[in-house]
């Protein structure tokens, strides 16, 4: 649980970094399951959604791992489940903040649109 808490603090710190470094009109991508379902939200909303998802997962999975439901689970799984999921969320958050910080013409395949390199829900791939 301590490692999960540290990773959660890292998510909050990443949002703090984004609040300072990103432009006021930046659009932050939020992935809803796959690359084709990418929702671009305002800077303020995006900076709140990612840590809120981390807090939600930390609470739900932490509660399950510490409850009787997980009594028969392998102890290593209970110890690794929460930090692993929050680490994945942190990776997605950092990737979203990097995309939000790109200027309209930056990088190969950038399509412009509010400094994200993304517009109309498309995904930028550089092969």
N, C-alpha and C. Protein backbone atom coordinates (compact mmCIF):
# COMPACT_ATOMS: atom_id res chain seq x y z
N UNK A 1 0.82 -1.20 0.00
CA UNK A 1 0.00 0.00 0.00
C UNK A 1 0.86 1.26 0.00
N UNK A 2 2.03 1.18 0.61
CA UNK A 2 2.91 2.35 0.67
C UNK A 2 3.39 2.71 -0.73
N UNK A 3 3.76 1.69 -1.51
CA UNK A 3 4.23 1.96 -2.88
C UNK A 3 3.10 2.55 -3.71
N UNK A 4 1.90 2.04 -3.56
CA UNK A 4 0.74 2.59 -4.27
C UNK A 4 0.50 4.05 -3.88
N UNK A 5 0.67 4.36 -2.60
CA UNK A 5 0.51 5.74 -2.14
C UNK A 5 1.56 6.66 -2.73
N UNK A 6 2.79 6.18 -2.84
CA UNK A 6 3.87 6.98 -3.44
C UNK A 6 3.57 7.23 -4.92
N UNK A 7 3.10 6.20 -5.61
CA UNK A 7 2.75 6.38 -7.03
C UNK A 7 1.57 7.33 -7.19
N UNK A 8 0.64 7.28 -6.26
CA UNK A 8 -0.49 8.21 -6.28
C UNK A 8 -0.01 9.65 -6.09
N UNK A 9 0.94 9.83 -5.19
CA UNK A 9 1.54 11.17 -5.02
C UNK A 9 2.28 11.61 -6.29
N UNK A 10 2.88 10.67 -6.99
CA UNK A 10 3.54 10.99 -8.26
C UNK A 10 2.52 11.45 -9.30
N UNK A 11 1.33 10.84 -9.30
CA UNK A 11 0.27 11.28 -10.21
C UNK A 11 -0.18 12.70 -9.89
N UNK A 12 -0.29 13.00 -8.60
CA UNK A 12 -0.68 14.35 -8.19
C UNK A 12 0.41 15.35 -8.57
N UNK A 13 1.67 14.95 -8.40
CA UNK A 13 2.78 15.82 -8.77
C UNK A 13 2.82 16.05 -10.29
N UNK A 14 2.51 15.02 -11.07
CA UNK A 14 2.46 15.18 -12.53
C UNK A 14 1.37 16.16 -12.93
N UNK A 15 0.23 16.11 -12.25
CA UNK A 15 -0.83 17.08 -12.54
C UNK A 15 -0.40 18.49 -12.15
N UNK A 16 0.33 18.61 -11.05
CA UNK A 16 0.86 19.92 -10.65
C UNK A 16 1.83 20.45 -11.69
N UNK A 17 2.68 19.57 -12.22
CA UNK A 17 3.61 19.97 -13.27
C UNK A 17 2.82 20.43 -14.50
N UNK A 18 1.78 19.68 -14.86
CA UNK A 18 0.96 20.04 -16.02
C UNK A 18 0.26 21.37 -15.83
N UNK A 19 -0.18 21.65 -14.60
CA UNK A 19 -0.85 22.93 -14.33
C UNK A 19 0.07 24.10 -14.55
N UNK A 20 1.35 23.91 -14.26
CA UNK A 20 2.32 25.00 -14.41
C UNK A 20 2.83 25.10 -15.84
N UNK A 21 3.12 23.98 -16.48
CA UNK A 21 3.82 23.97 -17.77
C UNK A 21 2.91 24.03 -18.99
N UNK A 22 1.71 23.52 -18.91
CA UNK A 22 0.85 23.48 -20.10
C UNK A 22 0.17 24.82 -20.34
N UNK A 23 -0.09 25.09 -21.60
CA UNK A 23 -0.80 26.31 -21.97
C UNK A 23 -2.23 26.28 -21.43
N UNK A 24 -2.80 27.45 -21.25
CA UNK A 24 -4.15 27.54 -20.69
C UNK A 24 -5.19 26.87 -21.59
N UNK A 25 -4.97 26.86 -22.90
CA UNK A 25 -5.94 26.26 -23.82
C UNK A 25 -5.59 24.83 -24.21
N UNK A 26 -4.68 24.20 -23.48
CA UNK A 26 -4.27 22.83 -23.80
C UNK A 26 -5.44 21.87 -23.64
N UNK A 27 -5.45 20.87 -24.49
CA UNK A 27 -6.46 19.81 -24.43
C UNK A 27 -5.75 18.52 -24.05
N UNK A 28 -6.18 17.87 -22.99
CA UNK A 28 -5.53 16.67 -22.48
C UNK A 28 -6.33 15.45 -22.92
N UNK A 29 -5.67 14.48 -23.57
CA UNK A 29 -6.39 13.27 -23.99
C UNK A 29 -6.67 12.34 -22.81
N UNK A 30 -7.87 11.78 -22.82
CA UNK A 30 -8.26 10.77 -21.84
C UNK A 30 -8.69 9.56 -22.65
N UNK A 31 -7.99 8.46 -22.48
CA UNK A 31 -8.28 7.24 -23.25
C UNK A 31 -9.41 6.48 -22.57
N UNK A 32 -10.39 6.11 -23.35
CA UNK A 32 -11.54 5.37 -22.82
C UNK A 32 -11.53 3.94 -23.34
N UNK A 33 -10.45 3.24 -23.07
CA UNK A 33 -10.38 1.83 -23.42
C UNK A 33 -9.51 1.50 -24.61
N UNK A 34 -9.49 2.33 -25.62
CA UNK A 34 -8.65 2.05 -26.78
C UNK A 34 -8.24 3.36 -27.44
N UNK A 35 -7.29 3.26 -28.36
CA UNK A 35 -6.79 4.46 -29.01
C UNK A 35 -7.86 5.14 -29.86
N UNK A 36 -8.81 4.38 -30.34
CA UNK A 36 -9.87 4.96 -31.16
C UNK A 36 -10.87 5.75 -30.33
N UNK A 37 -10.88 5.54 -29.04
CA UNK A 37 -11.82 6.23 -28.16
C UNK A 37 -11.06 7.19 -27.25
N UNK A 38 -10.47 8.19 -27.85
CA UNK A 38 -9.69 9.17 -27.12
C UNK A 38 -10.53 10.45 -27.01
N UNK A 39 -10.75 10.88 -25.79
CA UNK A 39 -11.55 12.07 -25.53
C UNK A 39 -10.62 13.21 -25.14
N UNK A 40 -10.71 14.32 -25.84
CA UNK A 40 -9.90 15.49 -25.51
C UNK A 40 -10.70 16.39 -24.58
N UNK A 41 -10.15 16.63 -23.39
CA UNK A 41 -10.84 17.44 -22.39
C UNK A 41 -10.01 18.69 -22.10
N UNK A 42 -10.62 19.64 -21.42
CA UNK A 42 -9.92 20.87 -21.08
C UNK A 42 -8.77 20.58 -20.11
N UNK A 43 -7.88 21.54 -20.00
CA UNK A 43 -6.71 21.37 -19.14
C UNK A 43 -7.11 21.06 -17.70
N UNK A 44 -8.00 21.84 -17.14
CA UNK A 44 -8.41 21.66 -15.74
C UNK A 44 -9.04 20.29 -15.53
N UNK A 45 -9.94 19.89 -16.43
CA UNK A 45 -10.60 18.60 -16.30
C UNK A 45 -9.60 17.45 -16.43
N UNK A 46 -8.70 17.55 -17.39
CA UNK A 46 -7.71 16.50 -17.59
C UNK A 46 -6.76 16.36 -16.42
N UNK A 47 -6.40 17.48 -15.81
CA UNK A 47 -5.49 17.42 -14.67
C UNK A 47 -6.17 16.85 -13.43
N UNK A 48 -7.49 16.85 -13.41
CA UNK A 48 -8.23 16.28 -12.28
C UNK A 48 -8.59 14.82 -12.54
N UNK A 49 -8.94 14.47 -13.78
CA UNK A 49 -9.40 13.12 -14.10
C UNK A 49 -8.34 12.07 -13.79
N UNK A 50 -7.09 12.30 -14.21
CA UNK A 50 -6.06 11.27 -14.05
C UNK A 50 -5.80 10.94 -12.58
N UNK A 51 -5.53 11.92 -11.70
CA UNK A 51 -5.33 11.55 -10.29
C UNK A 51 -6.60 10.99 -9.63
N UNK A 52 -7.77 11.47 -10.08
CA UNK A 52 -9.02 10.94 -9.53
C UNK A 52 -9.17 9.45 -9.88
N UNK A 53 -8.79 9.08 -11.08
CA UNK A 53 -8.82 7.66 -11.47
C UNK A 53 -7.84 6.87 -10.60
N UNK A 54 -6.68 7.44 -10.31
CA UNK A 54 -5.72 6.78 -9.43
C UNK A 54 -6.26 6.59 -8.03
N UNK A 55 -6.91 7.62 -7.49
CA UNK A 55 -7.49 7.53 -6.15
C UNK A 55 -8.60 6.48 -6.13
N UNK A 56 -9.42 6.46 -7.15
CA UNK A 56 -10.50 5.48 -7.23
C UNK A 56 -9.95 4.05 -7.27
N UNK A 57 -8.97 3.81 -8.13
CA UNK A 57 -8.38 2.47 -8.22
C UNK A 57 -7.66 2.10 -6.93
N UNK A 58 -6.96 3.06 -6.34
CA UNK A 58 -6.26 2.80 -5.08
C UNK A 58 -7.26 2.40 -3.99
N UNK A 59 -8.36 3.11 -3.91
CA UNK A 59 -9.37 2.80 -2.90
C UNK A 59 -10.06 1.47 -3.13
N UNK A 60 -10.49 1.23 -4.36
CA UNK A 60 -11.23 0.01 -4.65
C UNK A 60 -10.33 -1.21 -4.55
N UNK A 61 -9.21 -1.20 -5.27
CA UNK A 61 -8.33 -2.36 -5.25
C UNK A 61 -7.62 -2.54 -3.92
N UNK A 62 -7.30 -1.43 -3.26
CA UNK A 62 -6.71 -1.53 -1.93
C UNK A 62 -7.68 -2.14 -0.95
N UNK A 63 -8.94 -1.74 -1.05
CA UNK A 63 -9.97 -2.32 -0.18
C UNK A 63 -10.18 -3.80 -0.44
N UNK A 64 -10.17 -4.19 -1.71
CA UNK A 64 -10.34 -5.60 -2.05
C UNK A 64 -9.13 -6.41 -1.58
N UNK A 65 -7.93 -5.88 -1.80
CA UNK A 65 -6.71 -6.61 -1.42
C UNK A 65 -6.60 -6.78 0.09
N UNK A 66 -7.13 -5.84 0.86
CA UNK A 66 -7.07 -5.94 2.32
C UNK A 66 -8.28 -6.63 2.95
N UNK A 67 -9.25 -7.01 2.13
CA UNK A 67 -10.48 -7.60 2.67
C UNK A 67 -10.39 -9.12 2.70
N UNK A 68 -11.43 -9.71 3.18
CA UNK A 68 -11.53 -11.16 3.22
C UNK A 68 -11.67 -11.78 1.84
N UNK A 69 -12.10 -11.00 0.86
CA UNK A 69 -12.24 -11.50 -0.50
C UNK A 69 -10.91 -12.02 -1.02
N UNK A 70 -9.82 -11.34 -0.65
CA UNK A 70 -8.49 -11.69 -1.14
C UNK A 70 -7.73 -12.58 -0.18
N UNK A 71 -8.41 -13.16 0.80
CA UNK A 71 -7.73 -13.97 1.81
C UNK A 71 -7.02 -15.18 1.20
N UNK A 72 -7.57 -15.75 0.16
CA UNK A 72 -6.97 -16.93 -0.46
C UNK A 72 -6.07 -16.60 -1.65
N UNK A 73 -5.88 -15.33 -1.94
CA UNK A 73 -5.00 -14.94 -3.03
C UNK A 73 -3.56 -15.16 -2.64
N UNK A 74 -2.71 -15.30 -3.62
CA UNK A 74 -1.28 -15.39 -3.37
C UNK A 74 -0.85 -14.06 -2.75
N UNK A 75 -0.09 -14.08 -1.67
CA UNK A 75 0.29 -12.81 -1.02
C UNK A 75 1.00 -11.83 -1.96
N UNK A 76 1.80 -12.33 -2.88
CA UNK A 76 2.49 -11.45 -3.82
C UNK A 76 1.52 -10.68 -4.71
N UNK A 77 0.42 -11.32 -5.08
CA UNK A 77 -0.58 -10.64 -5.91
C UNK A 77 -1.22 -9.49 -5.16
N UNK A 78 -1.53 -9.73 -3.90
CA UNK A 78 -2.12 -8.66 -3.09
C UNK A 78 -1.16 -7.49 -2.93
N UNK A 79 0.14 -7.78 -2.87
CA UNK A 79 1.13 -6.72 -2.69
C UNK A 79 1.41 -5.95 -3.98
N UNK A 80 1.23 -6.58 -5.12
CA UNK A 80 1.63 -5.99 -6.40
C UNK A 80 0.46 -5.39 -7.17
N UNK A 81 -0.76 -5.82 -6.89
CA UNK A 81 -1.92 -5.42 -7.68
C UNK A 81 -2.13 -3.91 -7.72
N UNK A 82 -2.18 -3.26 -6.58
CA UNK A 82 -2.45 -1.82 -6.53
C UNK A 82 -1.31 -1.02 -7.16
N UNK A 83 -0.04 -1.26 -6.78
CA UNK A 83 1.03 -0.48 -7.40
C UNK A 83 1.14 -0.69 -8.91
N UNK A 84 0.87 -1.91 -9.37
CA UNK A 84 0.96 -2.18 -10.81
C UNK A 84 -0.08 -1.37 -11.58
N UNK A 85 -1.30 -1.36 -11.10
CA UNK A 85 -2.35 -0.61 -11.79
C UNK A 85 -2.09 0.90 -11.74
N UNK A 86 -1.67 1.39 -10.61
CA UNK A 86 -1.41 2.84 -10.51
C UNK A 86 -0.20 3.22 -11.35
N UNK A 87 0.77 2.32 -11.47
CA UNK A 87 1.92 2.58 -12.34
C UNK A 87 1.47 2.69 -13.80
N UNK A 88 0.56 1.84 -14.22
CA UNK A 88 0.02 1.92 -15.58
C UNK A 88 -0.74 3.23 -15.77
N UNK A 89 -1.56 3.61 -14.80
CA UNK A 89 -2.29 4.88 -14.89
C UNK A 89 -1.32 6.07 -14.94
N UNK A 90 -0.25 6.02 -14.16
CA UNK A 90 0.74 7.08 -14.18
C UNK A 90 1.40 7.18 -15.54
N UNK A 91 1.70 6.05 -16.16
CA UNK A 91 2.27 6.05 -17.51
C UNK A 91 1.32 6.68 -18.52
N UNK A 92 0.05 6.33 -18.45
CA UNK A 92 -0.93 6.94 -19.35
C UNK A 92 -1.06 8.43 -19.09
N UNK A 93 -1.03 8.83 -17.83
CA UNK A 93 -1.14 10.26 -17.50
C UNK A 93 0.05 11.04 -18.05
N UNK A 94 1.25 10.52 -17.86
CA UNK A 94 2.44 11.21 -18.37
C UNK A 94 2.38 11.30 -19.89
N UNK A 95 1.96 10.22 -20.54
CA UNK A 95 1.81 10.26 -22.00
C UNK A 95 0.79 11.30 -22.44
N UNK A 96 -0.31 11.39 -21.73
CA UNK A 96 -1.34 12.38 -22.07
C UNK A 96 -0.82 13.80 -21.88
N UNK A 97 -0.04 14.03 -20.82
CA UNK A 97 0.51 15.37 -20.58
C UNK A 97 1.55 15.73 -21.63
N UNK A 98 2.32 14.74 -22.07
CA UNK A 98 3.29 15.00 -23.14
C UNK A 98 2.57 15.36 -24.42
N UNK A 99 1.52 14.62 -24.76
CA UNK A 99 0.75 14.95 -25.97
C UNK A 99 0.11 16.32 -25.86
N UNK A 100 -0.37 16.67 -24.69
CA UNK A 100 -1.02 17.97 -24.51
C UNK A 100 -0.01 19.11 -24.63
N UNK A 101 1.25 18.84 -24.33
CA UNK A 101 2.27 19.88 -24.39
C UNK A 101 2.86 20.11 -25.76
N UNK A 102 2.54 19.26 -26.72
CA UNK A 102 3.08 19.42 -28.06
C UNK A 102 2.46 20.62 -28.75
N UNK A 103 3.28 21.31 -29.51
CA UNK A 103 2.76 22.42 -30.30
C UNK A 103 2.10 21.87 -31.55
N UNK A 104 1.24 22.64 -32.22
CA UNK A 104 0.49 22.14 -33.37
C UNK A 104 1.35 21.55 -34.49
N UNK A 105 2.54 22.04 -34.71
CA UNK A 105 3.35 21.53 -35.80
C UNK A 105 4.45 20.60 -35.36
N UNK A 106 4.49 20.21 -34.09
CA UNK A 106 5.60 19.42 -33.59
C UNK A 106 5.45 17.95 -33.92
N UNK A 107 6.55 17.35 -34.26
CA UNK A 107 6.59 15.91 -34.44
C UNK A 107 6.02 15.46 -35.77
N UNK A 108 6.45 14.26 -36.21
CA UNK A 108 5.94 13.72 -37.47
C UNK A 108 4.48 13.31 -37.32
N UNK A 109 3.71 13.63 -38.29
CA UNK A 109 2.31 13.24 -38.30
C UNK A 109 1.40 14.11 -37.45
N UNK A 110 1.92 15.21 -36.91
CA UNK A 110 1.07 16.07 -36.08
C UNK A 110 0.01 16.70 -36.95
N UNK A 111 -1.20 16.78 -36.44
CA UNK A 111 -2.32 17.30 -37.21
C UNK A 111 -2.79 18.65 -36.70
N UNK A 112 -2.17 19.17 -35.69
CA UNK A 112 -2.60 20.47 -35.16
C UNK A 112 -3.78 20.32 -34.23
N UNK A 113 -4.33 21.43 -33.83
CA UNK A 113 -5.52 21.39 -32.99
C UNK A 113 -5.21 21.52 -31.52
N UNK A 114 -5.16 22.71 -31.02
CA UNK A 114 -5.01 23.02 -29.60
C UNK A 114 -3.74 22.47 -28.99
N UNK A 115 -2.70 22.33 -29.78
CA UNK A 115 -1.41 21.96 -29.25
C UNK A 115 -1.27 20.51 -28.82
N UNK A 116 -2.14 19.64 -29.26
CA UNK A 116 -2.07 18.25 -28.81
C UNK A 116 -1.49 17.33 -29.84
N UNK A 117 -1.47 17.72 -31.09
CA UNK A 117 -1.10 16.78 -32.12
C UNK A 117 -2.27 15.87 -32.47
N UNK A 118 -3.40 16.10 -31.85
CA UNK A 118 -4.59 15.28 -32.09
C UNK A 118 -5.76 16.19 -32.44
N UNK A 119 -6.56 15.76 -33.38
CA UNK A 119 -7.81 16.47 -33.64
C UNK A 119 -8.84 15.47 -34.12
N UNK A 120 -10.07 15.78 -33.91
CA UNK A 120 -11.20 14.94 -34.30
C UNK A 120 -11.08 13.52 -33.76
N UNK A 121 -10.43 13.35 -32.59
CA UNK A 121 -10.34 12.03 -31.97
C UNK A 121 -9.39 11.08 -32.65
N UNK A 122 -8.53 11.57 -33.56
CA UNK A 122 -7.60 10.68 -34.23
C UNK A 122 -6.34 10.49 -33.40
N UNK A 123 -5.63 9.44 -33.68
CA UNK A 123 -4.41 9.13 -32.96
C UNK A 123 -3.22 9.35 -33.87
N UNK A 124 -2.21 10.01 -33.35
CA UNK A 124 -1.01 10.28 -34.12
C UNK A 124 -0.05 9.12 -33.91
N UNK A 125 0.39 8.52 -34.99
CA UNK A 125 1.37 7.43 -34.91
C UNK A 125 2.56 7.82 -35.77
N UNK A 126 3.75 7.65 -35.23
CA UNK A 126 4.94 7.89 -36.03
C UNK A 126 5.64 6.56 -36.22
N UNK A 127 5.69 6.10 -37.47
CA UNK A 127 6.28 4.78 -37.75
C UNK A 127 7.71 4.91 -38.19
